[in-house]
Amino acid sequence: MDNWYKVKAKVVSQKGHCEAGLKVGDEFIIGDTTPAGICTWAFYTLFPFISALQSGGVFPWEKDKDTTTAACVDSTNPVVFELKRIK
């Protein structure tokens, strides 16, 4: 797939207690498999954003067309990820 990209997911904020133990600075490279160590609930939430970035999509509200942010579903203990399209 010529127009397929990998995505780097980096934890940029974490409040409260993350059950998966994720902390600021943790990074995952996402290609065609789910990376080890990422919480399945976080991945479930991030997947639509990751899929868009992998296929060349953009988010019009972002200044950088290769980057967006998204948070896991645990609103009490949110983990916020920066998602960046990489070659």
PDB file of N, CA and C in Angstrom:
ATOM      1  N   MET A   1       0.843  -1.179   0.000  1.00  0.00           N
ATOM      2  CA  MET A   1       0.000   0.000   0.000  1.00  0.00           C
ATOM      3  C   MET A   1       0.885   1.237   0.000  1.00  0.00           C
ATOM      4  N   ASP A   2       0.926   1.897  -1.120  1.00  0.00           N
ATOM      5  CA  ASP A   2       1.805   3.035  -1.297  1.00  0.00           C
ATOM      6  C   ASP A   2       1.444   4.223  -0.410  1.00  0.00           C
ATOM      7  N   ASN A   3       0.172   4.437  -0.162  1.00  0.00           N
ATOM      8  CA  ASN A   3      -0.257   5.607   0.603  1.00  0.00           C
ATOM      9  C   ASN A   3      -0.602   5.256   2.045  1.00  0.00           C
ATOM     10  N   TRP A   4       0.032   4.251   2.603  1.00  0.00           N
ATOM     11  CA  TRP A   4      -0.246   3.805   3.965  1.00  0.00           C
ATOM     12  C   TRP A   4       0.865   4.294   4.882  1.00  0.00           C
ATOM     13  N   TYR A   5       0.518   4.843   6.010  1.00  0.00           N
ATOM     14  CA  TYR A   5       1.483   5.412   6.942  1.00  0.00           C
ATOM     15  C   TYR A   5       1.424   4.698   8.284  1.00  0.00           C
ATOM     16  N   LYS A   6       2.498   4.789   9.020  1.00  0.00           N
ATOM     17  CA  LYS A   6       2.497   4.379  10.416  1.00  0.00           C
ATOM     18  C   LYS A   6       2.130   5.596  11.245  1.00  0.00           C
ATOM     19  N   VAL A   7       1.716   5.349  12.481  1.00  0.00           N
ATOM     20  CA  VAL A   7       1.351   6.434  13.387  1.00  0.00           C
ATOM     21  C   VAL A   7       2.090   6.232  14.705  1.00  0.00           C
ATOM     22  N   LYS A   8       2.683   7.326  15.204  1.00  0.00           N
ATOM     23  CA  LYS A   8       3.300   7.290  16.529  1.00  0.00           C
ATOM     24  C   LYS A   8       2.284   7.854  17.519  1.00  0.00           C
ATOM     25  N   ALA A   9       1.965   7.072  18.538  1.00  0.00           N
ATOM     26  CA  ALA A   9       1.086   7.515  19.617  1.00  0.00           C
ATOM     27  C   ALA A   9       1.954   7.799  20.831  1.00  0.00           C
ATOM     28  N   LYS A  10       1.932   9.040  21.301  1.00  0.00           N
ATOM     29  CA  LYS A  10       2.754   9.442  22.441  1.00  0.00           C
ATOM     30  C   LYS A  10       1.849   9.977  23.544  1.00  0.00           C
ATOM     31  N   VAL A  11       2.042   9.492  24.763  1.00  0.00           N
ATOM     32  CA  VAL A  11       1.272   9.989  25.901  1.00  0.00           C
ATOM     33  C   VAL A  11       1.801  11.382  26.248  1.00  0.00           C
ATOM     34  N   VAL A  12       0.907  12.379  26.159  1.00  0.00           N
ATOM     35  CA  VAL A  12       1.310  13.762  26.455  1.00  0.00           C
ATOM     36  C   VAL A  12       0.709  14.280  27.761  1.00  0.00           C
ATOM     37  N   SER A  13      -0.266  13.544  28.300  1.00  0.00           N
ATOM     38  CA  SER A  13      -0.875  13.926  29.569  1.00  0.00           C
ATOM     39  C   SER A  13      -1.506  12.687  30.192  1.00  0.00           C
ATOM     40  N   GLN A  14      -1.386  12.571  31.515  1.00  0.00           N
ATOM     41  CA  GLN A  14      -2.027  11.466  32.228  1.00  0.00           C
ATOM     42  C   GLN A  14      -2.378  11.964  33.611  1.00  0.00           C
ATOM     43  N   LYS A  15      -3.665  11.894  33.946  1.00  0.00           N
ATOM     44  CA  LYS A  15      -4.132  12.350  35.251  1.00  0.00           C
ATOM     45  C   LYS A  15      -4.758  11.180  35.987  1.00  0.00           C
ATOM     46  N   GLY A  16      -4.624  11.175  37.297  1.00  0.00           N
ATOM     47  CA  GLY A  16      -5.192  10.091  38.090  1.00  0.00           C
ATOM     48  C   GLY A  16      -4.339   8.835  37.980  1.00  0.00           C
ATOM     49  N   HIS A  17      -5.006   7.684  38.010  1.00  0.00           N
ATOM     50  CA  HIS A  17      -4.316   6.392  37.969  1.00  0.00           C
ATOM     51  C   HIS A  17      -4.712   5.629  36.709  1.00  0.00           C
ATOM     52  N   CYS A  18      -3.758   5.409  35.828  1.00  0.00           N
ATOM     53  CA  CYS A  18      -4.000   4.623  34.615  1.00  0.00           C
ATOM     54  C   CYS A  18      -3.831   3.148  34.977  1.00  0.00           C
ATOM     55  N   GLU A  19      -4.881   2.358  34.821  1.00  0.00           N
ATOM     56  CA  GLU A  19      -4.833   0.927  35.139  1.00  0.00           C
ATOM     57  C   GLU A  19      -3.808   0.179  34.302  1.00  0.00           C
ATOM     58  N   ALA A  20      -3.504   0.681  33.106  1.00  0.00           N
ATOM     59  CA  ALA A  20      -2.523   0.025  32.239  1.00  0.00           C
ATOM     60  C   ALA A  20      -1.100   0.491  32.541  1.00  0.00           C
ATOM     61  N   GLY A  21      -0.961   1.475  33.422  1.00  0.00           N
ATOM     62  CA  GLY A  21       0.358   1.969  33.798  1.00  0.00           C
ATOM     63  C   GLY A  21       0.989   2.921  32.795  1.00  0.00           C
ATOM     64  N   LEU A  22       0.186   3.470  31.892  1.00  0.00           N
ATOM     65  CA  LEU A  22       0.733   4.417  30.918  1.00  0.00           C
ATOM     66  C   LEU A  22       1.115   5.713  31.625  1.00  0.00           C
ATOM     67  N   LYS A  23       2.199   6.317  31.138  1.00  0.00           N
ATOM     68  CA  LYS A  23       2.662   7.571  31.735  1.00  0.00           C
ATOM     69  C   LYS A  23       3.162   8.501  30.637  1.00  0.00           C
ATOM     70  N   VAL A  24       3.259   9.779  30.967  1.00  0.00           N
ATOM     71  CA  VAL A  24       3.720  10.785  30.018  1.00  0.00           C
ATOM     72  C   VAL A  24       5.077  10.354  29.453  1.00  0.00           C
ATOM     73  N   GLY A  25       5.185  10.449  28.139  1.00  0.00           N
ATOM     74  CA  GLY A  25       6.411  10.082  27.446  1.00  0.00           C
ATOM     75  C   GLY A  25       6.368   8.704  26.808  1.00  0.00           C
ATOM     76  N   ASP A  26       5.449   7.836  27.239  1.00  0.00           N
ATOM     77  CA  ASP A  26       5.326   6.514  26.614  1.00  0.00           C
ATOM     78  C   ASP A  26       4.962   6.681  25.146  1.00  0.00           C
ATOM     79  N   GLU A  27       5.565   5.869  24.289  1.00  0.00           N
ATOM     80  CA  GLU A  27       5.323   5.950  22.850  1.00  0.00           C
ATOM     81  C   GLU A  27       5.057   4.567  22.275  1.00  0.00           C
ATOM     82  N   PHE A  28       4.210   4.542  21.259  1.00  0.00           N
ATOM     83  CA  PHE A  28       3.884   3.325  20.536  1.00  0.00           C
ATOM     84  C   PHE A  28       3.892   3.627  19.047  1.00  0.00           C
ATOM     85  N   ILE A  29       4.480   2.744  18.257  1.00  0.00           N
ATOM     86  CA  ILE A  29       4.419   2.872  16.807  1.00  0.00           C
ATOM     87  C   ILE A  29       3.357   1.897  16.323  1.00  0.00           C
ATOM     88  N   ILE A  30       2.399   2.424  15.583  1.00  0.00           N
ATOM     89  CA  ILE A  30       1.268   1.618  15.128  1.00  0.00           C
ATOM     90  C   ILE A  30       1.326   1.490  13.620  1.00  0.00           C
ATOM     91  N   GLY A  31       1.450   0.263  13.169  1.00  0.00           N
ATOM     92  CA  GLY A  31       1.448  -0.052  11.739  1.00  0.00           C
ATOM     93  C   GLY A  31       0.216  -0.880  11.429  1.00  0.00           C
ATOM     94  N   ASP A  32       0.430  -2.142  11.098  1.00  0.00           N
ATOM     95  CA  ASP A  32      -0.700  -2.998  10.770  1.00  0.00           C
ATOM     96  C   ASP A  32      -1.058  -3.959  11.906  1.00  0.00           C
ATOM     97  N   THR A  33      -0.452  -3.758  13.090  1.00  0.00           N
ATOM     98  CA  THR A  33      -0.808  -4.555  14.266  1.00  0.00           C
ATOM     99  C   THR A  33      -0.922  -3.636  15.476  1.00  0.00           C
ATOM    100  N   THR A  34      -1.626  -4.096  16.488  1.00  0.00           N
ATOM    101  CA  THR A  34      -1.756  -3.348  17.731  1.00  0.00           C
ATOM    102  C   THR A  34      -0.466  -3.523  18.530  1.00  0.00           C
ATOM    103  N   PRO A  35       0.166  -2.437  18.948  1.00  0.00           N
ATOM    104  CA  PRO A  35       1.431  -2.563  19.670  1.00  0.00           C
ATOM    105  C   PRO A  35       1.227  -3.122  21.085  1.00  0.00           C
ATOM    106  N   ALA A  36       2.205  -3.885  21.540  1.00  0.00           N
ATOM    107  CA  ALA A  36       2.168  -4.412  22.900  1.00  0.00           C
ATOM    108  C   ALA A  36       2.242  -3.268  23.905  1.00  0.00           C
ATOM    109  N   GLY A  37       1.509  -3.400  24.995  1.00  0.00           N
ATOM    110  CA  GLY A  37       1.594  -2.432  26.081  1.00  0.00           C
ATOM    111  C   GLY A  37       0.551  -1.341  26.066  1.00  0.00           C
ATOM    112  N   ILE A  38      -0.176  -1.180  24.960  1.00  0.00           N
ATOM    113  CA  ILE A  38      -1.211  -0.145  24.936  1.00  0.00           C
ATOM    114  C   ILE A  38      -2.520  -0.754  25.447  1.00  0.00           C
ATOM    115  N   CYS A  39      -3.204  -0.036  26.264  1.00  0.00           N
ATOM    116  CA  CYS A  39      -4.486  -0.475  26.823  1.00  0.00           C
ATOM    117  C   CYS A  39      -5.498  -0.667  25.689  1.00  0.00           C
ATOM    118  N   THR A  40      -6.261  -1.755  25.749  1.00  0.00           N
ATOM    119  CA  THR A  40      -7.232  -2.013  24.677  1.00  0.00           C
ATOM    120  C   THR A  40      -8.325  -0.948  24.631  1.00  0.00           C
ATOM    121  N   TRP A  41      -8.698  -0.386  25.781  1.00  0.00           N
ATOM    122  CA  TRP A  41      -9.722   0.670  25.779  1.00  0.00           C
ATOM    123  C   TRP A  41      -9.185   1.936  25.136  1.00  0.00           C
ATOM    124  N   ALA A  42      -7.936   2.268  25.413  1.00  0.00           N
ATOM    125  CA  ALA A  42      -7.332   3.434  24.767  1.00  0.00           C
ATOM    126  C   ALA A  42      -7.227   3.187  23.261  1.00  0.00           C
ATOM    127  N   PHE A  43      -6.773   2.000  22.882  1.00  0.00           N
ATOM    128  CA  PHE A  43      -6.634   1.706  21.454  1.00  0.00           C
ATOM    129  C   PHE A  43      -7.990   1.764  20.749  1.00  0.00           C
ATOM    130  N   TYR A  44      -9.023   1.259  21.401  1.00  0.00           N
ATOM    131  CA  TYR A  44     -10.382   1.300  20.850  1.00  0.00           C
ATOM    132  C   TYR A  44     -10.796   2.745  20.556  1.00  0.00           C
ATOM    133  N   THR A  45     -10.473   3.652  21.469  1.00  0.00           N
ATOM    134  CA  THR A  45     -10.817   5.064  21.295  1.00  0.00           C
ATOM    135  C   THR A  45      -9.965   5.722  20.213  1.00  0.00           C
ATOM    136  N   LEU A  46      -8.690   5.381  20.165  1.00  0.00           N
ATOM    137  CA  LEU A  46      -7.764   6.005  19.225  1.00  0.00           C
ATOM    138  C   LEU A  46      -7.904   5.476  17.802  1.00  0.00           C
ATOM    139  N   PHE A  47      -8.428   4.266  17.649  1.00  0.00           N
ATOM    140  CA  PHE A  47      -8.431   3.588  16.353  1.00  0.00           C
ATOM    141  C   PHE A  47      -9.004   4.415  15.199  1.00  0.00           C
ATOM    142  N   PRO A  48     -10.142   5.091  15.345  1.00  0.00           N
ATOM    143  CA  PRO A  48     -10.642   5.888  14.207  1.00  0.00           C
ATOM    144  C   PRO A  48      -9.679   7.002  13.785  1.00  0.00           C
ATOM    145  N   PHE A  49      -9.029   7.637  14.764  1.00  0.00           N
ATOM    146  CA  PHE A  49      -8.058   8.691  14.463  1.00  0.00           C
ATOM    147  C   PHE A  49      -6.827   8.101  13.785  1.00  0.00           C
ATOM    148  N   ILE A  50      -6.368   6.961  14.300  1.00  0.00           N
ATOM    149  CA  ILE A  50      -5.208   6.276  13.725  1.00  0.00           C
ATOM    150  C   ILE A  50      -5.506   5.869  12.288  1.00  0.00           C
ATOM    151  N   SER A  51      -6.668   5.277  12.057  1.00  0.00           N
ATOM    152  CA  SER A  51      -7.047   4.835  10.710  1.00  0.00           C
ATOM    153  C   SER A  51      -7.063   5.998   9.726  1.00  0.00           C
ATOM    154  N   ALA A  52      -7.597   7.120  10.163  1.00  0.00           N
ATOM    155  CA  ALA A  52      -7.631   8.305   9.288  1.00  0.00           C
ATOM    156  C   ALA A  52      -6.217   8.758   8.936  1.00  0.00           C
ATOM    157  N   LEU A  53      -5.353   8.859   9.945  1.00  0.00           N
ATOM    158  CA  LEU A  53      -3.977   9.288   9.688  1.00  0.00           C
ATOM    159  C   LEU A  53      -3.235   8.295   8.811  1.00  0.00           C
ATOM    160  N   GLN A  54      -3.440   6.996   9.052  1.00  0.00           N
ATOM    161  CA  GLN A  54      -2.745   5.974   8.267  1.00  0.00           C
ATOM    162  C   GLN A  54      -3.109   6.038   6.792  1.00  0.00           C
ATOM    163  N   SER A  55      -4.317   6.423   6.503  1.00  0.00           N
ATOM    164  CA  SER A  55      -4.771   6.436   5.115  1.00  0.00           C
ATOM    165  C   SER A  55      -4.660   7.810   4.454  1.00  0.00           C
ATOM    166  N   GLY A  56      -3.989   8.755   5.122  1.00  0.00           N
ATOM    167  CA  GLY A  56      -3.757  10.071   4.524  1.00  0.00           C
ATOM    168  C   GLY A  56      -4.770  11.124   4.899  1.00  0.00           C
ATOM    169  N   GLY A  57      -5.717  10.780   5.764  1.00  0.00           N
ATOM    170  CA  GLY A  57      -6.732  11.739   6.179  1.00  0.00           C
ATOM    171  C   GLY A  57      -6.151  12.838   7.057  1.00  0.00           C
ATOM    172  N   VAL A  58      -6.883  13.933   7.154  1.00  0.00           N
ATOM    173  CA  VAL A  58      -6.461  15.065   7.969  1.00  0.00           C
ATOM    174  C   VAL A  58      -7.620  15.506   8.859  1.00  0.00           C
ATOM    175  N   PHE A  59      -7.289  16.247   9.893  1.00  0.00           N
ATOM    176  CA  PHE A  59      -8.279  16.818  10.796  1.00  0.00           C
ATOM    177  C   PHE A  59      -8.214  18.333  10.620  1.00  0.00           C
ATOM    178  N   PRO A  60      -9.232  18.939  10.045  1.00  0.00           N
ATOM    179  CA  PRO A  60      -9.165  20.350   9.654  1.00  0.00           C
ATOM    180  C   PRO A  60      -8.941  21.314  10.816  1.00  0.00           C
ATOM    181  N   TRP A  61      -9.226  20.908  12.031  1.00  0.00           N
ATOM    182  CA  TRP A  61      -9.040  21.791  13.181  1.00  0.00           C
ATOM    183  C   TRP A  61      -7.597  21.781  13.699  1.00  0.00           C
ATOM    184  N   GLU A  62      -6.761  20.902  13.182  1.00  0.00           N
ATOM    185  CA  GLU A  62      -5.366  20.825  13.624  1.00  0.00           C
ATOM    186  C   GLU A  62      -4.460  21.694  12.746  1.00  0.00           C
ATOM    187  N   LYS A  63      -3.503  22.365  13.348  1.00  0.00           N
ATOM    188  CA  LYS A  63      -2.547  23.180  12.596  1.00  0.00           C
ATOM    189  C   LYS A  63      -1.606  22.315  11.776  1.00  0.00           C
ATOM    190  N   ASP A  64      -1.175  21.183  12.351  1.00  0.00           N
ATOM    191  CA  ASP A  64      -0.273  20.247  11.675  1.00  0.00           C
ATOM    192  C   ASP A  64      -1.120  19.131  11.076  1.00  0.00           C
ATOM    193  N   LYS A  65      -1.140  19.010   9.750  1.00  0.00           N
ATOM    194  CA  LYS A  65      -2.006  18.026   9.097  1.00  0.00           C
ATOM    195  C   LYS A  65      -1.621  16.580   9.406  1.00  0.00           C
ATOM    196  N   ASP A  66      -0.431  16.368   9.965  1.00  0.00           N
ATOM    197  CA  ASP A  66       0.035  15.027  10.285  1.00  0.00           C
ATOM    198  C   ASP A  66      -0.188  14.640  11.744  1.00  0.00           C
ATOM    199  N   THR A  67      -0.844  15.506  12.519  1.00  0.00           N
ATOM    200  CA  THR A  67      -0.947  15.292  13.963  1.00  0.00           C
ATOM    201  C   THR A  67      -2.354  15.601  14.469  1.00  0.00           C
ATOM    202  N   THR A  68      -2.786  14.836  15.476  1.00  0.00           N
ATOM    203  CA  THR A  68      -4.008  15.154  16.204  1.00  0.00           C
ATOM    204  C   THR A  68      -3.850  14.632  17.624  1.00  0.00           C
ATOM    205  N   THR A  69      -4.743  15.009  18.514  1.00  0.00           N
ATOM    206  CA  THR A  69      -4.728  14.488  19.876  1.00  0.00           C
ATOM    207  C   THR A  69      -6.058  13.830  20.172  1.00  0.00           C
ATOM    208  N   ALA A  70      -6.011  12.835  21.045  1.00  0.00           N
ATOM    209  CA  ALA A  70      -7.221  12.128  21.470  1.00  0.00           C
ATOM    210  C   ALA A  70      -6.967  11.536  22.847  1.00  0.00           C
ATOM    211  N   ALA A  71      -8.035  11.338  23.603  1.00  0.00           N
ATOM    212  CA  ALA A  71      -7.920  10.810  24.968  1.00  0.00           C
ATOM    213  C   ALA A  71      -8.632   9.474  25.090  1.00  0.00           C
ATOM    214  N   CYS A  72      -8.164   8.669  26.021  1.00  0.00           N
ATOM    215  CA  CYS A  72      -8.824   7.392  26.294  1.00  0.00           C
ATOM    216  C   CYS A  72     -10.211   7.659  26.888  1.00  0.00           C
ATOM    217  N   VAL A  73     -10.989   6.619  27.040  1.00  0.00           N
ATOM    218  CA  VAL A  73     -12.381   6.767  27.481  1.00  0.00           C
ATOM    219  C   VAL A  73     -12.550   6.926  28.988  1.00  0.00           C
ATOM    220  N   ASP A  74     -11.499   6.745  29.758  1.00  0.00           N
ATOM    221  CA  ASP A  74     -11.594   6.856  31.212  1.00  0.00           C
ATOM    222  C   ASP A  74     -11.567   8.323  31.606  1.00  0.00           C
ATOM    223  N   SER A  75     -12.737   8.924  31.749  1.00  0.00           N
ATOM    224  CA  SER A  75     -12.807  10.360  32.029  1.00  0.00           C
ATOM    225  C   SER A  75     -12.329  10.716  33.433  1.00  0.00           C
ATOM    226  N   THR A  76     -12.287   9.755  34.337  1.00  0.00           N
ATOM    227  CA  THR A  76     -11.797   9.994  35.686  1.00  0.00           C
ATOM    228  C   THR A  76     -10.269  10.005  35.733  1.00  0.00           C
ATOM    229  N   ASN A  77      -9.651   9.201  34.869  1.00  0.00           N
ATOM    230  CA  ASN A  77      -8.194   9.062  34.820  1.00  0.00           C
ATOM    231  C   ASN A  77      -7.713   9.176  33.377  1.00  0.00           C
ATOM    232  N   PRO A  78      -7.935  10.325  32.742  1.00  0.00           N
ATOM    233  CA  PRO A  78      -7.667  10.411  31.306  1.00  0.00           C
ATOM    234  C   PRO A  78      -6.186  10.340  30.931  1.00  0.00           C
ATOM    235  N   VAL A  79      -5.944   9.613  29.869  1.00  0.00           N
ATOM    236  CA  VAL A  79      -4.636   9.577  29.232  1.00  0.00           C
ATOM    237  C   VAL A  79      -4.820  10.230  27.868  1.00  0.00           C
ATOM    238  N   VAL A  80      -4.054  11.281  27.597  1.00  0.00           N
ATOM    239  CA  VAL A  80      -4.167  12.003  26.336  1.00  0.00           C
ATOM    240  C   VAL A  80      -2.962  11.637  25.470  1.00  0.00           C
ATOM    241  N   PHE A  81      -3.251  11.315  24.210  1.00  0.00           N
ATOM    242  CA  PHE A  81      -2.238  10.893  23.260  1.00  0.00           C
ATOM    243  C   PHE A  81      -2.102  11.915  22.139  1.00  0.00           C
ATOM    244  N   GLU A  82      -0.871  12.158  21.721  1.00  0.00           N
ATOM    245  CA  GLU A  82      -0.617  12.867  20.482  1.00  0.00           C
ATOM    246  C   GLU A  82      -0.402  11.778  19.430  1.00  0.00           C
ATOM    247  N   LEU A  83      -1.148  11.856  18.352  1.00  0.00           N
ATOM    248  CA  LEU A  83      -1.038  10.900  17.255  1.00  0.00           C
ATOM    249  C   LEU A  83      -0.385  11.604  16.091  1.00  0.00           C
ATOM    250  N   LYS A  84       0.722  11.043  15.608  1.00  0.00           N
ATOM    251  CA  LYS A  84       1.479  11.693  14.525  1.00  0.00           C
ATOM    252  C   LYS A  84       1.737  10.699  13.416  1.00  0.00           C
ATOM    253  N   ARG A  85       1.357  11.104  12.204  1.00  0.00           N
ATOM    254  CA  ARG A  85       1.619  10.291  11.019  1.00  0.00           C
ATOM    255  C   ARG A  85       3.121  10.305  10.746  1.00  0.00           C
ATOM    256  N   ILE A  86       3.706   9.120  10.546  1.00  0.00           N
ATOM    257  CA  ILE A  86       5.121   9.033  10.232  1.00  0.00           C
ATOM    258  C   ILE A  86       5.296   8.201   8.979  1.00  0.00           C
ATOM    259  N   LYS A  87       6.407   8.355   8.315  1.00  0.00           N
ATOM    260  CA  LYS A  87       6.685   7.616   7.083  1.00  0.00           C
ATOM    261  C   LYS A  87       7.206   6.247   7.403  1.00  0.00           C
TER     262      LYS A  87
END
